[in-house]
Amino acid sequence: MSGTIEKTTTAELAPGVHIPLLGLGTWPLTAEDAAAAVSQAITIGYRHIDTAENYRNESAVGQGILRSGIEREELFLTSKFNTQWHSRKGVREAFAKASKRLGTDYLDLFLVHWPNPAQGRFVQACEGLQQLVDDGSIRAWGVSNFKPAHLRLVKEAGLDVPVNQVQVDPEHGQPEQLAFHREHGIRTAAYSPLGRNGGFLGHPAVTGPARELGKTPAQIVLRWHVQHGHVATPKSANYERQRENLDVFSFVLTQGQLDAIDALETGAPPRLDSDTYFH
């Protein structure tokens, strides 16, 4: 691959709404650590920042954005809200609070963080999000940690889910979940894209291509996500790691290399079960 390659590429979530495939995750950074990491990342070239009500860092993320000096319109800002707001009216209140903390008058993407099926109001939350899109408060909406059973209920209510943010890494590939996404046109966003302990980063399926291409194992795994069409938001406050994590568009993995990383799938479920865990 030759020529100038942009640092970020995007995927279309809705007409005219393009999300950068590589973003900065901000959990569990808080206070000045979060503000500094966000400002630094934007200076490096990140244009997608991912936060959430439950991360307790939205105000710090907003400070980091302001400190960066980049115009708001140049950024793609994602946040998520908790289950206490699961109603049409509640979602509007959640947006008002989130936008105030972040210091913005709109969000590019707003997500239901957990379905909490026992409460039984996540469909109403999705309906509330669609209303926010319709009135221009947010540019796109989506969900997080929704299983196919949850997504089907949203579909039955007449709503098409643009994106679902779930735990995905080479050892937690969730093939059935992602097959459902593909079947229904749902974009997969991967949180913890480099895993929780990074054990697979030392596997020959990852270290081999890293040596061949002169890249880090983390860059190889993030490139694997990108070539599968996932939106990935790795967290780092370290300058060099932030820079490396963003630099995954200057090389390509072969189909054989992709297949070898795919084969690291263990069949393990996500770390948290969204039928019972929520906040």
C-alpha atoms as a PDB file:
ATOM      1  CA  MET A   1       0.000   0.000   0.000  1.00  0.00           C
ATOM      2  CA  SER A   2       1.499   3.322  -0.990  1.00  0.00           C
ATOM      3  CA  GLY A   3       0.666   7.007  -0.984  1.00  0.00           C
ATOM      4  CA  THR A   4      -0.773   9.102   1.802  1.00  0.00           C
ATOM      5  CA  ILE A   5      -3.178   7.215   4.033  1.00  0.00           C
ATOM      6  CA  GLU A   6      -5.438   9.115   6.400  1.00  0.00           C
ATOM      7  CA  LYS A   7      -5.178   8.416  10.123  1.00  0.00           C
ATOM      8  CA  THR A   8      -8.856   7.628  10.419  1.00  0.00           C
ATOM      9  CA  THR A   9     -11.439   5.988   8.255  1.00  0.00           C
ATOM     10  CA  THR A  10     -15.157   5.965   8.896  1.00  0.00           C
ATOM     11  CA  ALA A  11     -18.316   3.914   8.618  1.00  0.00           C
ATOM     12  CA  GLU A  12     -21.782   5.286   7.890  1.00  0.00           C
ATOM     13  CA  LEU A  13     -24.252   4.883  10.763  1.00  0.00           C
ATOM     14  CA  ALA A  14     -27.063   6.901   9.221  1.00  0.00           C
ATOM     15  CA  PRO A  15     -27.416   9.120   6.157  1.00  0.00           C
ATOM     16  CA  GLY A  16     -24.694  11.738   6.447  1.00  0.00           C
ATOM     17  CA  VAL A  17     -23.425  10.412   9.798  1.00  0.00           C
ATOM     18  CA  HIS A  18     -19.970   8.827   9.594  1.00  0.00           C
ATOM     19  CA  ILE A  19     -18.265   7.398  12.669  1.00  0.00           C
ATOM     20  CA  PRO A  20     -14.456   7.051  12.786  1.00  0.00           C
ATOM     21  CA  LEU A  21     -13.567   3.369  13.059  1.00  0.00           C
ATOM     22  CA  LEU A  22     -10.811   4.154  15.585  1.00  0.00           C
ATOM     23  CA  GLY A  23     -11.595   6.219  18.659  1.00  0.00           C
ATOM     24  CA  LEU A  24     -10.359   6.885  22.176  1.00  0.00           C
ATOM     25  CA  GLY A  25     -11.983   4.973  25.004  1.00  0.00           C
ATOM     26  CA  THR A  26     -11.936   6.877  28.302  1.00  0.00           C
ATOM     27  CA  TRP A  27     -12.901   4.368  31.018  1.00  0.00           C
ATOM     28  CA  PRO A  28     -11.631   4.320  33.794  1.00  0.00           C
ATOM     29  CA  LEU A  29      -9.893   7.698  33.404  1.00  0.00           C
ATOM     30  CA  THR A  30     -11.364  10.508  35.522  1.00  0.00           C
ATOM     31  CA  ALA A  31     -10.697  14.140  36.426  1.00  0.00           C
ATOM     32  CA  GLU A  32      -7.410  15.599  35.144  1.00  0.00           C
ATOM     33  CA  ASP A  33      -6.219  12.222  33.856  1.00  0.00           C
ATOM     34  CA  ALA A  34      -9.222  12.071  31.528  1.00  0.00           C
ATOM     35  CA  ALA A  35      -9.001  15.715  30.451  1.00  0.00           C
ATOM     36  CA  ALA A  36      -5.290  15.445  29.671  1.00  0.00           C
ATOM     37  CA  ALA A  37      -5.692  12.154  27.796  1.00  0.00           C
ATOM     38  CA  VAL A  38      -8.515  13.531  25.651  1.00  0.00           C
ATOM     39  CA  SER A  39      -6.723  16.774  24.829  1.00  0.00           C
ATOM     40  CA  GLN A  40      -3.547  14.892  23.949  1.00  0.00           C
ATOM     41  CA  ALA A  41      -5.405  12.351  21.806  1.00  0.00           C
ATOM     42  CA  ILE A  42      -7.173  15.044  19.814  1.00  0.00           C
ATOM     43  CA  THR A  43      -3.844  16.788  19.219  1.00  0.00           C
ATOM     44  CA  ILE A  44      -2.405  13.502  17.933  1.00  0.00           C
ATOM     45  CA  GLY A  45      -5.281  13.154  15.492  1.00  0.00           C
ATOM     46  CA  TYR A  46      -8.146  11.322  17.204  1.00  0.00           C
ATOM     47  CA  ARG A  47     -11.542  12.579  16.152  1.00  0.00           C
ATOM     48  CA  HIS A  48     -13.763  10.061  17.971  1.00  0.00           C
ATOM     49  CA  ILE A  49     -14.079  10.139  21.776  1.00  0.00           C
ATOM     50  CA  ASP A  50     -16.141   7.579  23.716  1.00  0.00           C
ATOM     51  CA  THR A  51     -17.464   8.238  27.213  1.00  0.00           C
ATOM     52  CA  ALA A  52     -20.500   7.415  29.380  1.00  0.00           C
ATOM     53  CA  GLU A  53     -22.521   8.648  32.311  1.00  0.00           C
ATOM     54  CA  ASN A  54     -21.264   5.774  34.430  1.00  0.00           C
ATOM     55  CA  TYR A  55     -17.607   6.520  33.670  1.00  0.00           C
ATOM     56  CA  ARG A  56     -18.061   9.695  35.749  1.00  0.00           C
ATOM     57  CA  ASN A  57     -15.731  11.569  33.435  1.00  0.00           C
ATOM     58  CA  GLU A  58     -18.022  13.410  31.001  1.00  0.00           C
ATOM     59  CA  SER A  59     -17.131  16.812  32.484  1.00  0.00           C
ATOM     60  CA  ALA A  60     -13.423  16.005  32.236  1.00  0.00           C
ATOM     61  CA  VAL A  61     -13.852  14.801  28.652  1.00  0.00           C
ATOM     62  CA  GLY A  62     -15.566  18.086  27.853  1.00  0.00           C
ATOM     63  CA  GLN A  63     -12.662  19.974  29.431  1.00  0.00           C
ATOM     64  CA  GLY A  64     -10.200  17.985  27.337  1.00  0.00           C
ATOM     65  CA  ILE A  65     -12.103  18.801  24.163  1.00  0.00           C
ATOM     66  CA  LEU A  66     -12.150  22.499  25.042  1.00  0.00           C
ATOM     67  CA  ARG A  67      -8.434  22.448  25.895  1.00  0.00           C
ATOM     68  CA  SER A  68      -7.578  20.857  22.551  1.00  0.00           C
ATOM     69  CA  GLY A  69      -8.784  23.905  20.658  1.00  0.00           C
ATOM     70  CA  ILE A  70     -10.455  21.730  17.999  1.00  0.00           C
ATOM     71  CA  GLU A  71     -13.881  22.839  16.789  1.00  0.00           C
ATOM     72  CA  ARG A  72     -16.692  20.657  18.142  1.00  0.00           C
ATOM     73  CA  GLU A  73     -17.946  19.941  14.609  1.00  0.00           C
ATOM     74  CA  GLU A  74     -14.662  18.201  13.791  1.00  0.00           C
ATOM     75  CA  LEU A  75     -15.196  15.594  16.521  1.00  0.00           C
ATOM     76  CA  PHE A  76     -17.436  12.557  16.865  1.00  0.00           C
ATOM     77  CA  LEU A  77     -18.590  12.350  20.476  1.00  0.00           C
ATOM     78  CA  THR A  78     -20.262   9.235  21.898  1.00  0.00           C
ATOM     79  CA  SER A  79     -21.842   8.865  25.334  1.00  0.00           C
ATOM     80  CA  LYS A  80     -24.138   6.372  27.076  1.00  0.00           C
ATOM     81  CA  PHE A  81     -26.821   6.639  29.765  1.00  0.00           C
ATOM     82  CA  ASN A  82     -27.858   4.464  32.692  1.00  0.00           C
ATOM     83  CA  THR A  83     -31.024   2.445  33.159  1.00  0.00           C
ATOM     84  CA  GLN A  84     -32.676   4.955  35.498  1.00  0.00           C
ATOM     85  CA  TRP A  85     -33.461   6.971  32.344  1.00  0.00           C
ATOM     86  CA  HIS A  86     -35.195   4.134  30.474  1.00  0.00           C
ATOM     87  CA  SER A  87     -38.302   5.948  29.271  1.00  0.00           C
ATOM     88  CA  ARG A  88     -39.014   8.360  26.444  1.00  0.00           C
ATOM     89  CA  LYS A  89     -39.046  11.326  28.832  1.00  0.00           C
ATOM     90  CA  GLY A  90     -36.123   9.950  30.815  1.00  0.00           C
ATOM     91  CA  VAL A  91     -33.883   9.713  27.768  1.00  0.00           C
ATOM     92  CA  ARG A  92     -34.456  13.385  27.037  1.00  0.00           C
ATOM     93  CA  GLU A  93     -33.440  14.236  30.602  1.00  0.00           C
ATOM     94  CA  ALA A  94     -30.380  11.982  30.309  1.00  0.00           C
ATOM     95  CA  PHE A  95     -29.357  13.843  27.143  1.00  0.00           C
ATOM     96  CA  ALA A  96     -29.807  17.242  28.805  1.00  0.00           C
ATOM     97  CA  LYS A  97     -27.600  16.205  31.722  1.00  0.00           C
ATOM     98  CA  ALA A  98     -24.942  14.561  29.530  1.00  0.00           C
ATOM     99  CA  SER A  99     -24.712  17.475  27.113  1.00  0.00           C
ATOM    100  CA  LYS A 100     -24.381  19.928  30.011  1.00  0.00           C
ATOM    101  CA  ARG A 101     -21.566  17.888  31.583  1.00  0.00           C
ATOM    102  CA  LEU A 102     -19.793  17.596  28.233  1.00  0.00           C
ATOM    103  CA  GLY A 103     -20.283  21.252  27.363  1.00  0.00           C
ATOM    104  CA  THR A 104     -21.950  20.566  24.024  1.00  0.00           C
ATOM    105  CA  ASP A 105     -25.415  21.178  22.624  1.00  0.00           C
ATOM    106  CA  TYR A 106     -25.554  17.919  20.680  1.00  0.00           C
ATOM    107  CA  LEU A 107     -24.123  14.395  20.649  1.00  0.00           C
ATOM    108  CA  ASP A 108     -23.009  12.503  17.593  1.00  0.00           C
ATOM    109  CA  LEU A 109     -24.005   9.169  19.131  1.00  0.00           C
ATOM    110  CA  PHE A 110     -26.014   8.382  22.271  1.00  0.00           C
ATOM    111  CA  LEU A 111     -26.311   4.801  23.494  1.00  0.00           C
ATOM    112  CA  VAL A 112     -28.449   2.787  25.901  1.00  0.00           C
ATOM    113  CA  HIS A 113     -25.611   1.463  28.055  1.00  0.00           C
ATOM    114  CA  TRP A 114     -27.258  -1.753  29.325  1.00  0.00           C
ATOM    115  CA  PRO A 115     -30.648  -3.274  28.451  1.00  0.00           C
ATOM    116  CA  ASN A 116     -31.670  -4.305  32.003  1.00  0.00           C
ATOM    117  CA  PRO A 117     -34.388  -6.653  30.657  1.00  0.00           C
ATOM    118  CA  ALA A 118     -35.854  -7.254  34.128  1.00  0.00           C
ATOM    119  CA  GLN A 119     -36.839  -3.580  34.243  1.00  0.00           C
ATOM    120  CA  GLY A 120     -38.357  -4.011  30.791  1.00  0.00           C
ATOM    121  CA  ARG A 121     -38.095  -0.441  29.516  1.00  0.00           C
ATOM    122  CA  PHE A 122     -35.201  -0.522  27.066  1.00  0.00           C
ATOM    123  CA  VAL A 123     -37.535  -0.388  24.050  1.00  0.00           C
ATOM    124  CA  GLN A 124     -39.007   2.866  25.367  1.00  0.00           C
ATOM    125  CA  ALA A 125     -35.450   4.147  25.808  1.00  0.00           C
ATOM    126  CA  CYS A 126     -34.723   3.388  22.154  1.00  0.00           C
ATOM    127  CA  GLU A 127     -37.924   5.153  21.135  1.00  0.00           C
ATOM    128  CA  GLY A 128     -36.797   8.164  23.143  1.00  0.00           C
ATOM    129  CA  LEU A 129     -33.453   8.132  21.355  1.00  0.00           C
ATOM    130  CA  GLN A 130     -35.149   8.091  17.965  1.00  0.00           C
ATOM    131  CA  GLN A 131     -37.122  11.156  19.043  1.00  0.00           C
ATOM    132  CA  LEU A 132     -33.851  12.909  19.912  1.00  0.00           C
ATOM    133  CA  VAL A 133     -32.571  12.130  16.411  1.00  0.00           C
ATOM    134  CA  ASP A 134     -35.802  13.383  14.876  1.00  0.00           C
ATOM    135  CA  ASP A 135     -35.545  16.734  16.662  1.00  0.00           C
ATOM    136  CA  GLY A 136     -31.827  17.162  15.960  1.00  0.00           C
ATOM    137  CA  SER A 137     -30.519  16.787  19.517  1.00  0.00           C
ATOM    138  CA  ILE A 138     -28.339  13.830  18.535  1.00  0.00           C
ATOM    139  CA  ARG A 139     -27.074  12.762  15.139  1.00  0.00           C
ATOM    140  CA  ALA A 140     -27.407   8.997  15.686  1.00  0.00           C
ATOM    141  CA  TRP A 141     -28.419   6.545  18.394  1.00  0.00           C
ATOM    142  CA  GLY A 142     -27.577   3.008  19.327  1.00  0.00           C
ATOM    143  CA  VAL A 143     -27.292   0.481  22.113  1.00  0.00           C
ATOM    144  CA  SER A 144     -24.607  -1.305  24.094  1.00  0.00           C
ATOM    145  CA  ASN A 145     -24.447  -4.837  25.480  1.00  0.00           C
ATOM    146  CA  PHE A 146     -27.693  -5.866  23.768  1.00  0.00           C
ATOM    147  CA  LYS A 147     -28.027  -9.572  22.973  1.00  0.00           C
ATOM    148  CA  PRO A 148     -29.948 -10.726  19.877  1.00  0.00           C
ATOM    149  CA  ALA A 149     -33.038 -11.339  22.043  1.00  0.00           C
ATOM    150  CA  HIS A 150     -32.971  -7.701  23.173  1.00  0.00           C
ATOM    151  CA  LEU A 151     -32.327  -6.431  19.656  1.00  0.00           C
ATOM    152  CA  ARG A 152     -35.292  -8.419  18.306  1.00  0.00           C
ATOM    153  CA  LEU A 153     -37.649  -6.647  20.717  1.00  0.00           C
ATOM    154  CA  VAL A 154     -36.388  -3.270  19.508  1.00  0.00           C
ATOM    155  CA  LYS A 155     -36.840  -4.412  15.911  1.00  0.00           C
ATOM    156  CA  GLU A 156     -40.403  -5.559  16.664  1.00  0.00           C
ATOM    157  CA  ALA A 157     -41.152  -2.020  17.897  1.00  0.00           C
ATOM    158  CA  GLY A 158     -40.348  -0.771  14.404  1.00  0.00           C
ATOM    159  CA  LEU A 159     -36.859   0.561  15.102  1.00  0.00           C
ATOM    160  CA  ASP A 160     -33.662  -0.286  13.238  1.00  0.00           C
ATOM    161  CA  VAL A 161     -30.651  -0.254  15.571  1.00  0.00           C
ATOM    162  CA  PRO A 162     -27.696   1.441  13.848  1.00  0.00           C
ATOM    163  CA  VAL A 163     -24.930   0.235  16.199  1.00  0.00           C
ATOM    164  CA  ASN A 164     -24.381  -2.075  19.170  1.00  0.00           C
ATOM    165  CA  GLN A 165     -21.294  -1.624  21.341  1.00  0.00           C
ATOM    166  CA  VAL A 166     -20.242  -4.980  22.794  1.00  0.00           C
ATOM    167  CA  GLN A 167     -17.135  -6.666  24.189  1.00  0.00           C
ATOM    168  CA  VAL A 168     -15.170  -8.004  21.224  1.00  0.00           C
ATOM    169  CA  ASP A 169     -11.547  -9.104  20.961  1.00  0.00           C
ATOM    170  CA  PRO A 170      -9.834 -12.070  19.274  1.00  0.00           C
ATOM    171  CA  GLU A 171     -10.618 -14.373  22.222  1.00  0.00           C
ATOM    172  CA  HIS A 172     -14.178 -13.039  22.629  1.00  0.00           C
ATOM    173  CA  GLY A 173     -15.229 -12.869  18.979  1.00  0.00           C
ATOM    174  CA  GLN A 174     -18.909 -13.494  19.769  1.00  0.00           C
ATOM    175  CA  PRO A 175     -19.540 -15.043  16.324  1.00  0.00           C
ATOM    176  CA  GLU A 176     -23.296 -15.579  16.822  1.00  0.00           C
ATOM    177  CA  GLN A 177     -23.783 -12.040  18.138  1.00  0.00           C
ATOM    178  CA  LEU A 178     -21.844 -10.513  15.252  1.00  0.00           C
ATOM    179  CA  ALA A 179     -23.604 -12.697  12.692  1.00  0.00           C
ATOM    180  CA  PHE A 180     -26.899 -11.273  13.981  1.00  0.00           C
ATOM    181  CA  HIS A 181     -25.490  -7.772  13.588  1.00  0.00           C
ATOM    182  CA  ARG A 182     -24.516  -8.454   9.975  1.00  0.00           C
ATOM    183  CA  GLU A 183     -27.887 -10.000   9.169  1.00  0.00           C
ATOM    184  CA  HIS A 184     -29.737  -6.950  10.472  1.00  0.00           C
ATOM    185  CA  GLY A 185     -27.374  -4.210   9.303  1.00  0.00           C
ATOM    186  CA  ILE A 186     -26.139  -3.334  12.806  1.00  0.00           C
ATOM    187  CA  ARG A 187     -22.648  -1.891  13.036  1.00  0.00           C
ATOM    188  CA  THR A 188     -20.458  -3.580  15.672  1.00  0.00           C
ATOM    189  CA  ALA A 189     -18.557  -1.296  18.034  1.00  0.00           C
ATOM    190  CA  ALA A 190     -15.949  -3.103  20.133  1.00  0.00           C
ATOM    191  CA  TYR A 191     -15.140  -2.067  23.669  1.00  0.00           C
ATOM    192  CA  SER A 192     -12.045  -3.504  25.356  1.00  0.00           C
ATOM    193  CA  PRO A 193     -10.804  -4.242  21.802  1.00  0.00           C
ATOM    194  CA  LEU A 194      -7.376  -5.245  23.131  1.00  0.00           C
ATOM    195  CA  GLY A 195      -8.805  -7.467  25.854  1.00  0.00           C
ATOM    196  CA  ARG A 196      -8.665  -7.107  29.603  1.00  0.00           C
ATOM    197  CA  ASN A 197      -5.355  -8.868  30.219  1.00  0.00           C
ATOM    198  CA  GLY A 198      -3.904  -8.787  26.719  1.00  0.00           C
ATOM    199  CA  GLY A 199      -2.850 -12.445  26.837  1.00  0.00           C
ATOM    200  CA  PHE A 200      -3.539 -13.009  23.138  1.00  0.00           C
ATOM    201  CA  LEU A 201      -1.184 -10.155  22.254  1.00  0.00           C
ATOM    202  CA  GLY A 202       1.646 -12.649  22.789  1.00  0.00           C
ATOM    203  CA  HIS A 203       0.192 -15.334  20.512  1.00  0.00           C
ATOM    204  CA  PRO A 204       2.139 -16.132  17.312  1.00  0.00           C
ATOM    205  CA  ALA A 205      -0.981 -15.290  15.264  1.00  0.00           C
ATOM    206  CA  VAL A 206      -0.461 -11.719  16.465  1.00  0.00           C
ATOM    207  CA  THR A 207       3.295 -11.480  17.067  1.00  0.00           C
ATOM    208  CA  GLY A 208       4.112 -13.026  13.675  1.00  0.00           C
ATOM    209  CA  PRO A 209       2.420 -10.295  11.598  1.00  0.00           C
ATOM    210  CA  ALA A 210       3.777  -7.700  14.035  1.00  0.00           C
ATOM    211  CA  ARG A 211       7.346  -8.781  13.267  1.00  0.00           C
ATOM    212  CA  GLU A 212       6.710  -9.031   9.530  1.00  0.00           C
ATOM    213  CA  LEU A 213       5.090  -5.613   9.283  1.00  0.00           C
ATOM    214  CA  GLY A 214       7.176  -3.771  11.877  1.00  0.00           C
ATOM    215  CA  LYS A 215       4.118  -3.044  14.025  1.00  0.00           C
ATOM    216  CA  THR A 216       3.164  -3.648  17.647  1.00  0.00           C
ATOM    217  CA  PRO A 217       0.869  -6.542  18.592  1.00  0.00           C
ATOM    218  CA  ALA A 218      -1.773  -3.991  19.638  1.00  0.00           C
ATOM    219  CA  GLN A 219      -1.624  -2.393  16.197  1.00  0.00           C
ATOM    220  CA  ILE A 220      -2.136  -5.804  14.587  1.00  0.00           C
ATOM    221  CA  VAL A 221      -5.229  -6.506  16.691  1.00  0.00           C
ATOM    222  CA  LEU A 222      -6.681  -3.062  16.046  1.00  0.00           C
ATOM    223  CA  ARG A 223      -6.080  -3.542  12.322  1.00  0.00           C
ATOM    224  CA  TRP A 224      -7.924  -6.887  12.634  1.00  0.00           C
ATOM    225  CA  HIS A 225     -10.891  -4.988  14.092  1.00  0.00           C
ATOM    226  CA  VAL A 226     -10.800  -2.360  11.351  1.00  0.00           C
ATOM    227  CA  GLN A 227     -10.643  -4.921   8.535  1.00  0.00           C
ATOM    228  CA  HIS A 228     -13.666  -6.656  10.048  1.00  0.00           C
ATOM    229  CA  GLY A 229     -15.510  -3.324   9.999  1.00  0.00           C
ATOM    230  CA  HIS A 230     -15.635  -2.898  13.761  1.00  0.00           C
ATOM    231  CA  VAL A 231     -15.550   0.485  15.463  1.00  0.00           C
ATOM    232  CA  ALA A 232     -12.817   0.146  18.127  1.00  0.00           C
ATOM    233  CA  THR A 233     -12.152   2.473  21.056  1.00  0.00           C
ATOM    234  CA  PRO A 234      -8.988   1.413  22.914  1.00  0.00           C
ATOM    235  CA  LYS A 235      -8.210   3.333  26.104  1.00  0.00           C
ATOM    236  CA  SER A 236      -4.791   4.824  26.723  1.00  0.00           C
ATOM    237  CA  ALA A 237      -3.433   7.949  28.368  1.00  0.00           C
ATOM    238  CA  ASN A 238       0.125   7.237  27.184  1.00  0.00           C
ATOM    239  CA  TYR A 239       1.286   9.404  24.278  1.00  0.00           C
ATOM    240  CA  GLU A 240       3.156   6.680  22.397  1.00  0.00           C
ATOM    241  CA  ARG A 241       0.398   4.098  22.809  1.00  0.00           C
ATOM    242  CA  GLN A 242      -2.236   6.603  21.727  1.00  0.00           C
ATOM    243  CA  ARG A 243      -0.167   7.395  18.646  1.00  0.00           C
ATOM    244  CA  GLU A 244       0.433   3.731  17.843  1.00  0.00           C
ATOM    245  CA  ASN A 245      -3.213   2.769  18.395  1.00  0.00           C
ATOM    246  CA  LEU A 246      -4.340   5.359  15.873  1.00  0.00           C
ATOM    247  CA  ASP A 247      -1.726   4.371  13.299  1.00  0.00           C
ATOM    248  CA  VAL A 248      -3.415   1.279  11.851  1.00  0.00           C
ATOM    249  CA  PHE A 249      -4.365   2.519   8.400  1.00  0.00           C
ATOM    250  CA  SER A 250      -0.938   2.327   6.760  1.00  0.00           C
ATOM    251  CA  PHE A 251      -0.871  -1.482   6.394  1.00  0.00           C
ATOM    252  CA  VAL A 252      -3.161  -4.402   5.599  1.00  0.00           C
ATOM    253  CA  LEU A 253      -3.410  -7.914   7.027  1.00  0.00           C
ATOM    254  CA  THR A 254      -3.723 -10.797   4.593  1.00  0.00           C
ATOM    255  CA  GLN A 255      -6.740 -13.081   4.678  1.00  0.00           C
ATOM    256  CA  GLY A 256      -4.538 -15.795   6.154  1.00  0.00           C
ATOM    257  CA  GLN A 257      -3.431 -13.480   8.951  1.00  0.00           C
ATOM    258  CA  LEU A 258      -7.025 -12.479   9.644  1.00  0.00           C
ATOM    259  CA  ASP A 259      -8.084 -16.130   9.727  1.00  0.00           C
ATOM    260  CA  ALA A 260      -5.305 -16.984  12.185  1.00  0.00           C
ATOM    261  CA  ILE A 261      -6.425 -14.229  14.557  1.00  0.00           C
ATOM    262  CA  ASP A 262     -10.059 -15.283  14.109  1.00  0.00           C
ATOM    263  CA  ALA A 263      -8.998 -18.759  15.255  1.00  0.00           C
ATOM    264  CA  LEU A 264      -8.029 -17.372  18.682  1.00  0.00           C
ATOM    265  CA  GLU A 265     -11.763 -17.306  19.491  1.00  0.00           C
ATOM    266  CA  THR A 266     -12.343 -19.312  22.687  1.00  0.00           C
ATOM    267  CA  GLY A 267     -16.134 -19.308  22.786  1.00  0.00           C
ATOM    268  CA  ALA A 268     -16.014 -17.459  26.107  1.00  0.00           C
ATOM    269  CA  PRO A 269     -18.999 -15.188  26.760  1.00  0.00           C
ATOM    270  CA  PRO A 270     -18.595 -11.489  27.521  1.00  0.00           C
ATOM    271  CA  ARG A 271     -17.165 -10.698  30.949  1.00  0.00           C
ATOM    272  CA  LEU A 272     -20.552  -9.370  32.120  1.00  0.00           C
ATOM    273  CA  ASP A 273     -23.946 -10.934  31.362  1.00  0.00           C
ATOM    274  CA  SER A 274     -26.313  -8.220  30.132  1.00  0.00           C
ATOM    275  CA  ASP A 275     -29.348 -10.264  31.171  1.00  0.00           C
ATOM    276  CA  THR A 276     -28.435  -9.609  34.802  1.00  0.00           C
ATOM    277  CA  TYR A 277     -25.741  -6.912  34.967  1.00  0.00           C
ATOM    278  CA  PHE A 278     -26.562  -3.250  34.481  1.00  0.00           C
ATOM    279  CA  HIS A 279     -26.128   0.233  35.859  1.00  0.00           C
END
